Amino acid sequence: MTTGESTKRYETPNHPYQEDRIAQESELLGRYGLQNKEELWRAQSELRNYRREARRLIGEAQGDLDVAAEAGGEFVESLQRTGILDETDAISDVLSLDETDVLERRLQTVVYRQGLANTPQQARQFVVHGHVTVDGARVTRPGYQVRVHEEDSVAFDETSPLEDELHPERAEGQ
């Protein structure tokens, strides 16, 4: 690695002590079961990059959304594959996304939303401890972005004790 090259994949807030922002971040940390604010800042930076790319494409097309959609077709398709955009969304819809759209695609959130865990924190624990598979492969990163075609294949590992429906830690009704 050359000197001066940053390995950080997120940007921290410019003003660290803003009460409203801190309260909003704390609420998102609790709702999505994030371990620390770094995970939230990573999602915000990812969203910032998506918006920057959409603005660049629209700017190069001089505001003509049809030309921008044609030039950014691959970009929009990749966001649709990851589930951040719906099938009917266009390049201009990228500008109206917020960090919850990115956080909803995390494996930890998908496990919780599918009812495999009682809380987002429990979902994180199940993922980190290797109880969850995606397309049959064990994934231990709670921040793994689940693609739309993988969503139905998220399940407990067949060798996991949680595979047993009578396990006491299983979510009610699952």
N, C-alpha and C. Protein backbone atom coordinates (compact mmCIF):
# COMPACT_ATOMS: atom_id res chain seq x y z
N MET A 1 0.84 -1.17 0.00
CA MET A 1 0.00 0.00 0.00
C MET A 1 0.90 1.24 0.00
N THR A 2 0.55 2.18 -0.85
CA THR A 2 1.34 3.41 -0.90
C THR A 2 0.97 4.31 0.26
N THR A 3 1.88 5.17 0.63
CA THR A 3 1.62 6.07 1.75
C THR A 3 0.55 7.08 1.37
N GLY A 4 -0.24 7.46 2.35
CA GLY A 4 -1.31 8.43 2.12
C GLY A 4 -2.60 7.81 1.62
N GLU A 5 -2.58 6.51 1.38
CA GLU A 5 -3.77 5.85 0.87
C GLU A 5 -4.64 5.41 2.05
N SER A 6 -5.89 5.80 2.05
CA SER A 6 -6.77 5.49 3.16
C SER A 6 -7.47 4.15 2.93
N THR A 7 -7.59 3.38 3.99
CA THR A 7 -8.30 2.11 3.90
C THR A 7 -9.70 2.24 4.47
N LYS A 8 -10.04 3.41 4.98
CA LYS A 8 -11.36 3.64 5.54
C LYS A 8 -12.39 3.65 4.43
N ARG A 9 -13.51 2.99 4.65
CA ARG A 9 -14.55 2.91 3.63
C ARG A 9 -15.77 3.75 3.99
N TYR A 10 -15.57 4.74 4.82
CA TYR A 10 -16.67 5.59 5.23
C TYR A 10 -16.15 6.96 5.63
N GLU A 11 -17.05 7.91 5.68
CA GLU A 11 -16.70 9.26 6.13
C GLU A 11 -17.43 9.53 7.43
N THR A 12 -16.73 10.18 8.35
CA THR A 12 -17.36 10.54 9.62
C THR A 12 -18.06 11.88 9.45
N PRO A 13 -19.00 12.20 10.32
CA PRO A 13 -19.70 13.49 10.22
C PRO A 13 -18.73 14.67 10.39
N ASN A 14 -19.02 15.76 9.68
CA ASN A 14 -18.18 16.95 9.76
C ASN A 14 -18.27 17.62 11.12
N HIS A 15 -19.46 17.62 11.69
CA HIS A 15 -19.68 18.23 13.00
C HIS A 15 -20.06 17.12 13.98
N PRO A 16 -19.12 16.67 14.81
CA PRO A 16 -19.36 15.49 15.63
C PRO A 16 -20.41 15.66 16.73
N TYR A 17 -20.69 16.87 17.16
CA TYR A 17 -21.60 17.04 18.29
C TYR A 17 -22.86 17.79 17.90
N GLN A 18 -23.72 17.15 17.12
CA GLN A 18 -25.02 17.70 16.77
C GLN A 18 -26.07 16.79 17.40
N GLU A 19 -26.82 17.35 18.31
CA GLU A 19 -27.76 16.56 19.09
C GLU A 19 -28.78 15.82 18.23
N ASP A 20 -29.36 16.50 17.23
CA ASP A 20 -30.38 15.87 16.38
C ASP A 20 -29.80 14.70 15.60
N ARG A 21 -28.61 14.89 15.02
CA ARG A 21 -27.99 13.82 14.24
C ARG A 21 -27.64 12.63 15.12
N ILE A 22 -27.12 12.91 16.32
CA ILE A 22 -26.75 11.84 17.24
C ILE A 22 -27.99 11.04 17.65
N ALA A 23 -29.09 11.72 17.90
CA ALA A 23 -30.34 11.04 18.28
C ALA A 23 -30.85 10.18 17.12
N GLN A 24 -30.77 10.70 15.90
CA GLN A 24 -31.23 9.95 14.73
C GLN A 24 -30.34 8.72 14.51
N GLU A 25 -29.02 8.90 14.66
CA GLU A 25 -28.10 7.77 14.50
C GLU A 25 -28.35 6.70 15.55
N SER A 26 -28.59 7.11 16.78
CA SER A 26 -28.85 6.15 17.85
C SER A 26 -30.12 5.36 17.59
N GLU A 27 -31.13 6.04 17.05
CA GLU A 27 -32.40 5.37 16.74
C GLU A 27 -32.17 4.33 15.64
N LEU A 28 -31.39 4.67 14.61
CA LEU A 28 -31.11 3.73 13.53
C LEU A 28 -30.26 2.56 14.02
N LEU A 29 -29.30 2.83 14.91
CA LEU A 29 -28.48 1.75 15.48
C LEU A 29 -29.35 0.73 16.20
N GLY A 30 -30.32 1.21 16.97
CA GLY A 30 -31.22 0.31 17.68
C GLY A 30 -32.17 -0.43 16.75
N ARG A 31 -32.73 0.28 15.77
CA ARG A 31 -33.71 -0.32 14.87
C ARG A 31 -33.10 -1.41 14.00
N TYR A 32 -31.85 -1.21 13.57
CA TYR A 32 -31.21 -2.18 12.68
C TYR A 32 -30.20 -3.07 13.40
N GLY A 33 -30.03 -2.89 14.71
CA GLY A 33 -29.14 -3.75 15.48
C GLY A 33 -27.68 -3.61 15.09
N LEU A 34 -27.28 -2.41 14.70
CA LEU A 34 -25.91 -2.18 14.30
C LEU A 34 -25.00 -2.17 15.52
N GLN A 35 -23.78 -2.62 15.35
CA GLN A 35 -22.85 -2.72 16.47
C GLN A 35 -22.31 -1.35 16.88
N ASN A 36 -22.04 -0.50 15.90
CA ASN A 36 -21.51 0.82 16.19
C ASN A 36 -21.85 1.78 15.05
N LYS A 37 -21.54 3.04 15.25
CA LYS A 37 -21.89 4.05 14.25
C LYS A 37 -21.08 3.90 12.98
N GLU A 38 -19.94 3.24 13.05
CA GLU A 38 -19.13 3.02 11.86
C GLU A 38 -19.94 2.27 10.79
N GLU A 39 -20.74 1.29 11.21
CA GLU A 39 -21.56 0.54 10.26
C GLU A 39 -22.59 1.45 9.60
N LEU A 40 -23.16 2.36 10.36
CA LEU A 40 -24.11 3.33 9.82
C LEU A 40 -23.41 4.28 8.86
N TRP A 41 -22.24 4.77 9.25
CA TRP A 41 -21.50 5.69 8.39
C TRP A 41 -21.08 5.02 7.09
N ARG A 42 -20.80 3.71 7.16
CA ARG A 42 -20.45 2.97 5.95
C ARG A 42 -21.65 2.95 4.98
N ALA A 43 -22.85 2.72 5.53
CA ALA A 43 -24.06 2.72 4.70
C ALA A 43 -24.31 4.11 4.12
N GLN A 44 -24.10 5.15 4.92
CA GLN A 44 -24.29 6.52 4.44
C GLN A 44 -23.28 6.85 3.34
N SER A 45 -22.04 6.39 3.48
CA SER A 45 -21.03 6.65 2.45
C SER A 45 -21.37 5.90 1.17
N GLU A 46 -21.87 4.68 1.31
CA GLU A 46 -22.28 3.91 0.13
C GLU A 46 -23.41 4.62 -0.61
N LEU A 47 -24.37 5.12 0.16
CA LEU A 47 -25.49 5.87 -0.43
C LEU A 47 -24.98 7.15 -1.09
N ARG A 48 -24.04 7.82 -0.46
CA ARG A 48 -23.46 9.05 -1.02
C ARG A 48 -22.82 8.76 -2.37
N ASN A 49 -22.13 7.61 -2.48
CA ASN A 49 -21.50 7.23 -3.74
C ASN A 49 -22.55 6.95 -4.82
N TYR A 50 -23.65 6.29 -4.45
CA TYR A 50 -24.73 6.04 -5.42
C TYR A 50 -25.30 7.36 -5.94
N ARG A 51 -25.57 8.28 -5.01
CA ARG A 51 -26.13 9.57 -5.41
C ARG A 51 -25.15 10.35 -6.29
N ARG A 52 -23.87 10.31 -5.92
CA ARG A 52 -22.85 11.02 -6.70
C ARG A 52 -22.80 10.48 -8.13
N GLU A 53 -22.87 9.17 -8.28
CA GLU A 53 -22.85 8.56 -9.60
C GLU A 53 -24.09 8.95 -10.40
N ALA A 54 -25.26 8.95 -9.76
CA ALA A 54 -26.50 9.35 -10.44
C ALA A 54 -26.43 10.81 -10.88
N ARG A 55 -25.94 11.68 -9.99
CA ARG A 55 -25.81 13.10 -10.37
C ARG A 55 -24.83 13.28 -11.52
N ARG A 56 -23.75 12.49 -11.51
CA ARG A 56 -22.77 12.59 -12.60
C ARG A 56 -23.39 12.19 -13.93
N LEU A 57 -24.15 11.09 -13.92
CA LEU A 57 -24.78 10.62 -15.16
C LEU A 57 -25.82 11.61 -15.66
N ILE A 58 -26.61 12.17 -14.75
CA ILE A 58 -27.63 13.14 -15.15
C ILE A 58 -26.96 14.42 -15.63
N GLY A 59 -25.87 14.82 -14.98
CA GLY A 59 -25.14 16.02 -15.40
C GLY A 59 -24.51 15.86 -16.77
N GLU A 60 -23.93 14.68 -17.04
CA GLU A 60 -23.32 14.43 -18.35
C GLU A 60 -24.37 14.44 -19.45
N ALA A 61 -25.60 14.05 -19.10
CA ALA A 61 -26.69 14.07 -20.08
C ALA A 61 -27.35 15.44 -20.13
N GLN A 62 -26.80 16.39 -19.41
CA GLN A 62 -27.30 17.77 -19.35
C GLN A 62 -28.77 17.82 -18.94
N GLY A 63 -29.12 16.99 -17.97
CA GLY A 63 -30.47 17.00 -17.40
C GLY A 63 -31.48 16.17 -18.16
N ASP A 64 -31.13 15.61 -19.30
CA ASP A 64 -32.04 14.77 -20.07
C ASP A 64 -32.08 13.38 -19.43
N LEU A 65 -33.17 13.06 -18.73
CA LEU A 65 -33.26 11.81 -17.97
C LEU A 65 -33.24 10.58 -18.87
N ASP A 66 -33.75 10.69 -20.11
CA ASP A 66 -33.75 9.54 -21.01
C ASP A 66 -32.33 9.17 -21.41
N VAL A 67 -31.52 10.18 -21.73
CA VAL A 67 -30.13 9.94 -22.09
C VAL A 67 -29.36 9.41 -20.88
N ALA A 68 -29.63 9.98 -19.71
CA ALA A 68 -28.97 9.54 -18.48
C ALA A 68 -29.34 8.09 -18.15
N ALA A 69 -30.60 7.74 -18.36
CA ALA A 69 -31.05 6.37 -18.09
C ALA A 69 -30.36 5.38 -19.02
N GLU A 70 -30.16 5.79 -20.26
CA GLU A 70 -29.48 4.92 -21.22
C GLU A 70 -28.01 4.74 -20.84
N ALA A 71 -27.36 5.83 -20.46
CA ALA A 71 -25.94 5.77 -20.09
C ALA A 71 -25.74 5.04 -18.77
N GLY A 72 -26.69 5.19 -17.84
CA GLY A 72 -26.56 4.57 -16.53
C GLY A 72 -27.38 3.32 -16.36
N GLY A 73 -27.73 2.67 -17.45
CA GLY A 73 -28.56 1.47 -17.39
C GLY A 73 -27.95 0.38 -16.54
N GLU A 74 -26.66 0.17 -16.71
CA GLU A 74 -25.97 -0.88 -15.94
C GLU A 74 -25.94 -0.53 -14.45
N PHE A 75 -25.72 0.75 -14.15
CA PHE A 75 -25.70 1.23 -12.76
C PHE A 75 -27.06 1.00 -12.10
N VAL A 76 -28.14 1.36 -12.78
CA VAL A 76 -29.49 1.19 -12.23
C VAL A 76 -29.81 -0.29 -12.08
N GLU A 77 -29.42 -1.11 -13.06
CA GLU A 77 -29.66 -2.55 -12.98
C GLU A 77 -28.95 -3.17 -11.78
N SER A 78 -27.73 -2.72 -11.50
CA SER A 78 -27.01 -3.28 -10.35
C SER A 78 -27.72 -2.91 -9.04
N LEU A 79 -28.26 -1.70 -8.96
CA LEU A 79 -29.01 -1.30 -7.76
C LEU A 79 -30.33 -2.08 -7.66
N GLN A 80 -30.92 -2.42 -8.79
CA GLN A 80 -32.14 -3.22 -8.79
C GLN A 80 -31.84 -4.66 -8.37
N ARG A 81 -30.70 -5.21 -8.81
CA ARG A 81 -30.32 -6.57 -8.41
C ARG A 81 -30.09 -6.68 -6.92
N THR A 82 -29.52 -5.63 -6.32
CA THR A 82 -29.28 -5.65 -4.88
C THR A 82 -30.54 -5.31 -4.09
N GLY A 83 -31.58 -4.84 -4.77
CA GLY A 83 -32.84 -4.56 -4.09
C GLY A 83 -32.92 -3.15 -3.52
N ILE A 84 -31.94 -2.33 -3.79
CA ILE A 84 -31.97 -0.95 -3.31
C ILE A 84 -33.00 -0.16 -4.10
N LEU A 85 -33.10 -0.44 -5.40
CA LEU A 85 -34.14 0.16 -6.25
C LEU A 85 -35.14 -0.92 -6.65
N ASP A 86 -36.40 -0.52 -6.85
CA ASP A 86 -37.40 -1.45 -7.37
C ASP A 86 -37.23 -1.60 -8.87
N GLU A 87 -37.89 -2.60 -9.43
CA GLU A 87 -37.80 -2.87 -10.87
C GLU A 87 -38.28 -1.68 -11.70
N THR A 88 -39.22 -0.90 -11.18
CA THR A 88 -39.82 0.20 -11.94
C THR A 88 -39.08 1.52 -11.75
N ASP A 89 -38.12 1.57 -10.82
CA ASP A 89 -37.41 2.82 -10.53
C ASP A 89 -36.44 3.18 -11.64
N ALA A 90 -36.20 4.49 -11.78
CA ALA A 90 -35.29 5.01 -12.79
C ALA A 90 -34.09 5.67 -12.10
N ILE A 91 -33.20 6.23 -12.90
CA ILE A 91 -31.99 6.84 -12.36
C ILE A 91 -32.29 8.03 -11.46
N SER A 92 -33.37 8.73 -11.73
CA SER A 92 -33.70 9.90 -10.90
C SER A 92 -34.15 9.47 -9.50
N ASP A 93 -34.62 8.23 -9.35
CA ASP A 93 -35.05 7.73 -8.04
C ASP A 93 -33.87 7.48 -7.10
N VAL A 94 -32.67 7.37 -7.65
CA VAL A 94 -31.47 7.16 -6.83
C VAL A 94 -31.28 8.37 -5.91
N LEU A 95 -31.62 9.55 -6.39
CA LEU A 95 -31.41 10.78 -5.62
C LEU A 95 -32.34 10.86 -4.41
N SER A 96 -33.44 10.12 -4.42
CA SER A 96 -34.39 10.18 -3.30
C SER A 96 -34.21 9.03 -2.30
N LEU A 97 -33.18 8.22 -2.47
CA LEU A 97 -32.92 7.13 -1.53
C LEU A 97 -32.40 7.69 -0.21
N ASP A 98 -32.58 6.93 0.87
CA ASP A 98 -31.94 7.30 2.13
C ASP A 98 -31.25 6.07 2.71
N GLU A 99 -30.55 6.24 3.84
CA GLU A 99 -29.71 5.15 4.35
C GLU A 99 -30.50 3.91 4.73
N THR A 100 -31.79 4.05 5.06
CA THR A 100 -32.57 2.86 5.40
C THR A 100 -32.72 1.92 4.21
N ASP A 101 -32.71 2.46 2.99
CA ASP A 101 -32.78 1.60 1.80
C ASP A 101 -31.55 0.70 1.71
N VAL A 102 -30.40 1.21 2.11
CA VAL A 102 -29.16 0.41 2.11
C VAL A 102 -29.16 -0.55 3.29
N LEU A 103 -29.57 -0.08 4.47
CA LEU A 103 -29.56 -0.91 5.68
C LEU A 103 -30.54 -2.08 5.58
N GLU A 104 -31.62 -1.92 4.84
CA GLU A 104 -32.61 -3.00 4.68
C GLU A 104 -32.05 -4.18 3.91
N ARG A 105 -30.97 -4.00 3.15
CA ARG A 105 -30.40 -5.07 2.34
C ARG A 105 -29.32 -5.85 3.07
N ARG A 106 -28.98 -5.46 4.30
CA ARG A 106 -27.99 -6.19 5.08
C ARG A 106 -28.54 -7.56 5.46
N LEU A 107 -27.68 -8.57 5.50
CA LEU A 107 -28.09 -9.93 5.86
C LEU A 107 -28.74 -9.95 7.24
N GLN A 108 -28.17 -9.21 8.17
CA GLN A 108 -28.71 -9.15 9.52
C GLN A 108 -30.18 -8.69 9.51
N THR A 109 -30.49 -7.68 8.71
CA THR A 109 -31.86 -7.16 8.63
C THR A 109 -32.78 -8.14 7.92
N VAL A 110 -32.29 -8.78 6.87
CA VAL A 110 -33.11 -9.75 6.13
C VAL A 110 -33.46 -10.94 7.03
N VAL A 111 -32.49 -11.42 7.82
CA VAL A 111 -32.76 -12.53 8.74
C VAL A 111 -33.85 -12.13 9.73
N TYR A 112 -33.77 -10.93 10.26
CA TYR A 112 -34.78 -10.44 11.21
C TYR A 112 -36.13 -10.27 10.53
N ARG A 113 -36.17 -9.65 9.36
CA ARG A 113 -37.43 -9.40 8.65
C ARG A 113 -38.12 -10.71 8.23
N GLN A 114 -37.33 -11.75 7.97
CA GLN A 114 -37.92 -13.04 7.58
C GLN A 114 -38.41 -13.83 8.79
N GLY A 115 -38.18 -13.30 9.97
CA GLY A 115 -38.69 -13.95 11.17
C GLY A 115 -37.81 -15.08 11.69
N LEU A 116 -36.57 -15.14 11.26
CA LEU A 116 -35.66 -16.18 11.75
C LEU A 116 -35.09 -15.81 13.12
N ALA A 117 -35.24 -14.54 13.52
CA ALA A 117 -34.74 -14.08 14.82
C ALA A 117 -35.78 -13.16 15.45
N ASN A 118 -35.74 -13.07 16.77
CA ASN A 118 -36.70 -12.24 17.50
C ASN A 118 -36.36 -10.76 17.47
N THR A 119 -35.07 -10.42 17.39
CA THR A 119 -34.63 -9.03 17.39
C THR A 119 -33.52 -8.87 16.36
N PRO A 120 -33.25 -7.64 15.91
CA PRO A 120 -32.12 -7.43 15.00
C PRO A 120 -30.79 -7.82 15.65
N GLN A 121 -30.68 -7.63 16.96
CA GLN A 121 -29.44 -8.00 17.65
C GLN A 121 -29.26 -9.52 17.65
N GLN A 122 -30.36 -10.24 17.84
CA GLN A 122 -30.28 -11.71 17.81
C GLN A 122 -29.95 -12.19 16.40
N ALA A 123 -30.50 -11.51 15.41
CA ALA A 123 -30.19 -11.86 14.02
C ALA A 123 -28.70 -11.70 13.76
N ARG A 124 -28.13 -10.61 14.28
CA ARG A 124 -26.69 -10.38 14.13
C ARG A 124 -25.89 -11.52 14.76
N GLN A 125 -26.31 -11.94 15.95
CA GLN A 125 -25.61 -13.02 16.64
C GLN A 125 -25.69 -14.31 15.84
N PHE A 126 -26.87 -14.64 15.33
CA PHE A 126 -27.03 -15.86 14.53
C PHE A 126 -26.10 -15.84 13.32
N VAL A 127 -25.99 -14.68 12.66
CA VAL A 127 -25.14 -14.57 11.47
C VAL A 127 -23.67 -14.71 11.86
N VAL A 128 -23.23 -13.96 12.87
CA VAL A 128 -21.82 -13.97 13.27
C VAL A 128 -21.39 -15.36 13.76
N HIS A 129 -22.29 -16.08 14.41
CA HIS A 129 -21.96 -17.40 14.94
C HIS A 129 -22.09 -18.50 13.89
N GLY A 130 -22.42 -18.13 12.65
CA GLY A 130 -22.41 -19.10 11.57
C GLY A 130 -23.65 -19.96 11.46
N HIS A 131 -24.78 -19.51 11.98
CA HIS A 131 -26.01 -20.30 11.90
C HIS A 131 -26.81 -20.04 10.62
N VAL A 132 -26.42 -19.05 9.83
CA VAL A 132 -27.22 -18.63 8.68
C VAL A 132 -26.46 -18.90 7.38
N THR A 133 -27.20 -19.39 6.38
CA THR A 133 -26.63 -19.60 5.05
C THR A 133 -27.39 -18.78 4.02
N VAL A 134 -26.69 -18.42 2.96
CA VAL A 134 -27.29 -17.75 1.80
C VAL A 134 -26.92 -18.58 0.59
N ASP A 135 -27.91 -19.07 -0.12
CA ASP A 135 -27.69 -19.96 -1.27
C ASP A 135 -26.87 -21.18 -0.86
N GLY A 136 -27.09 -21.67 0.36
CA GLY A 136 -26.40 -22.86 0.83
C GLY A 136 -25.01 -22.62 1.37
N ALA A 137 -24.49 -21.40 1.27
CA ALA A 137 -23.15 -21.09 1.76
C ALA A 137 -23.26 -20.29 3.07
N ARG A 138 -22.49 -20.71 4.06
CA ARG A 138 -22.50 -20.02 5.35
C ARG A 138 -21.90 -18.62 5.18
N VAL A 139 -22.61 -17.63 5.69
CA VAL A 139 -22.14 -16.24 5.64
C VAL A 139 -22.10 -15.74 7.08
N THR A 140 -20.95 -15.21 7.50
CA THR A 140 -20.79 -14.76 8.89
C THR A 140 -20.63 -13.24 8.98
N ARG A 141 -20.91 -12.53 7.91
CA ARG A 141 -20.81 -11.06 7.91
C ARG A 141 -22.21 -10.47 7.97
N PRO A 142 -22.60 -9.82 9.06
CA PRO A 142 -23.94 -9.24 9.15
C PRO A 142 -24.17 -8.13 8.15
N GLY A 143 -23.11 -7.52 7.63
CA GLY A 143 -23.24 -6.44 6.66
C GLY A 143 -23.30 -6.92 5.22
N TYR A 144 -23.31 -8.23 5.00
CA TYR A 144 -23.38 -8.79 3.65
C TYR A 144 -24.64 -8.28 2.96
N GLN A 145 -24.49 -7.76 1.73
CA GLN A 145 -25.66 -7.25 1.01
C GLN A 145 -26.36 -8.39 0.29
N VAL A 146 -27.59 -8.65 0.69
CA VAL A 146 -28.36 -9.74 0.11
C VAL A 146 -29.00 -9.25 -1.18
N ARG A 147 -28.72 -9.94 -2.26
CA ARG A 147 -29.32 -9.61 -3.56
C ARG A 147 -30.75 -10.13 -3.59
N VAL A 148 -31.54 -9.60 -4.49
CA VAL A 148 -32.96 -9.95 -4.57
C VAL A 148 -33.13 -11.45 -4.82
N HIS A 149 -32.33 -12.04 -5.73
CA HIS A 149 -32.49 -13.46 -6.05
C HIS A 149 -32.02 -14.36 -4.91
N GLU A 150 -31.24 -13.84 -3.95
CA GLU A 150 -30.77 -14.63 -2.83
C GLU A 150 -31.72 -14.59 -1.63
N GLU A 151 -32.65 -13.65 -1.64
CA GLU A 151 -33.50 -13.40 -0.48
C GLU A 151 -34.26 -14.65 -0.01
N ASP A 152 -34.78 -15.43 -0.96
CA ASP A 152 -35.56 -16.62 -0.59
C ASP A 152 -34.68 -17.77 -0.11
N SER A 153 -33.37 -17.68 -0.35
CA SER A 153 -32.48 -18.78 0.04
C SER A 153 -31.79 -18.53 1.38
N VAL A 154 -32.18 -17.47 2.09
CA VAL A 154 -31.61 -17.22 3.42
C VAL A 154 -32.30 -18.16 4.40
N ALA A 155 -31.50 -18.99 5.09
CA ALA A 155 -32.05 -19.99 6.01
C ALA A 155 -31.01 -20.35 7.05
N PHE A 156 -31.43 -21.16 8.01
CA PHE A 156 -30.48 -21.68 8.98
C PHE A 156 -29.65 -22.77 8.33
N ASP A 157 -28.39 -22.88 8.74
CA ASP A 157 -27.51 -23.93 8.27
C ASP A 157 -28.07 -25.27 8.75
N GLU A 158 -28.00 -26.28 7.88
CA GLU A 158 -28.58 -27.58 8.24
C GLU A 158 -27.85 -28.24 9.41
N THR A 159 -26.60 -27.86 9.67
CA THR A 159 -25.86 -28.44 10.80
C THR A 159 -26.05 -27.62 12.08
N SER A 160 -26.75 -26.49 11.99
CA SER A 160 -26.96 -25.63 13.15
C SER A 160 -28.02 -26.20 14.07
N PRO A 161 -27.84 -26.07 15.39
CA PRO A 161 -28.89 -26.50 16.31
C PRO A 161 -30.16 -25.67 16.14
N LEU A 162 -30.04 -24.48 15.57
CA LEU A 162 -31.22 -23.62 15.35
C LEU A 162 -32.11 -24.14 14.22
N GLU A 163 -31.62 -25.09 13.46
CA GLU A 163 -32.43 -25.69 12.40
C GLU A 163 -33.63 -26.42 13.00
N ASP A 164 -33.49 -26.91 14.22
CA ASP A 164 -34.58 -27.58 14.92
C ASP A 164 -35.65 -26.55 15.29
N GLU A 165 -36.87 -26.77 14.83
CA GLU A 165 -37.96 -25.80 15.07
C GLU A 165 -38.31 -25.66 16.54
N LEU A 166 -37.94 -26.63 17.36
CA LEU A 166 -38.26 -26.57 18.79
C LEU A 166 -37.17 -25.89 19.61
N HIS A 167 -36.12 -25.43 18.95
CA HIS A 167 -35.02 -24.76 19.67
C HIS A 167 -35.57 -23.53 20.39
N PRO A 168 -35.21 -23.32 21.67
CA PRO A 168 -35.79 -22.21 22.45
C PRO A 168 -35.45 -20.82 21.91
N GLU A 169 -34.38 -20.67 21.16
CA GLU A 169 -34.02 -19.34 20.63
C GLU A 169 -34.71 -19.03 19.32
N ARG A 170 -35.41 -19.99 18.73
CA ARG A 170 -36.09 -19.74 17.47
C ARG A 170 -37.20 -18.73 17.68
N ALA A 171 -37.45 -17.93 16.65
CA ALA A 171 -38.52 -16.93 16.72
C ALA A 171 -39.86 -17.65 16.79
N GLU A 172 -40.81 -17.04 17.45
CA GLU A 172 -42.16 -17.61 17.59
C GLU A 172 -42.77 -17.83 16.21
N GLY A 173 -43.32 -19.00 15.98
CA GLY A 173 -44.02 -19.29 14.72
C GLY A 173 -43.10 -19.69 13.58
N GLN A 174 -41.81 -19.79 13.81
CA GLN A 174 -40.89 -20.18 12.75
C GLN A 174 -40.40 -21.58 12.96
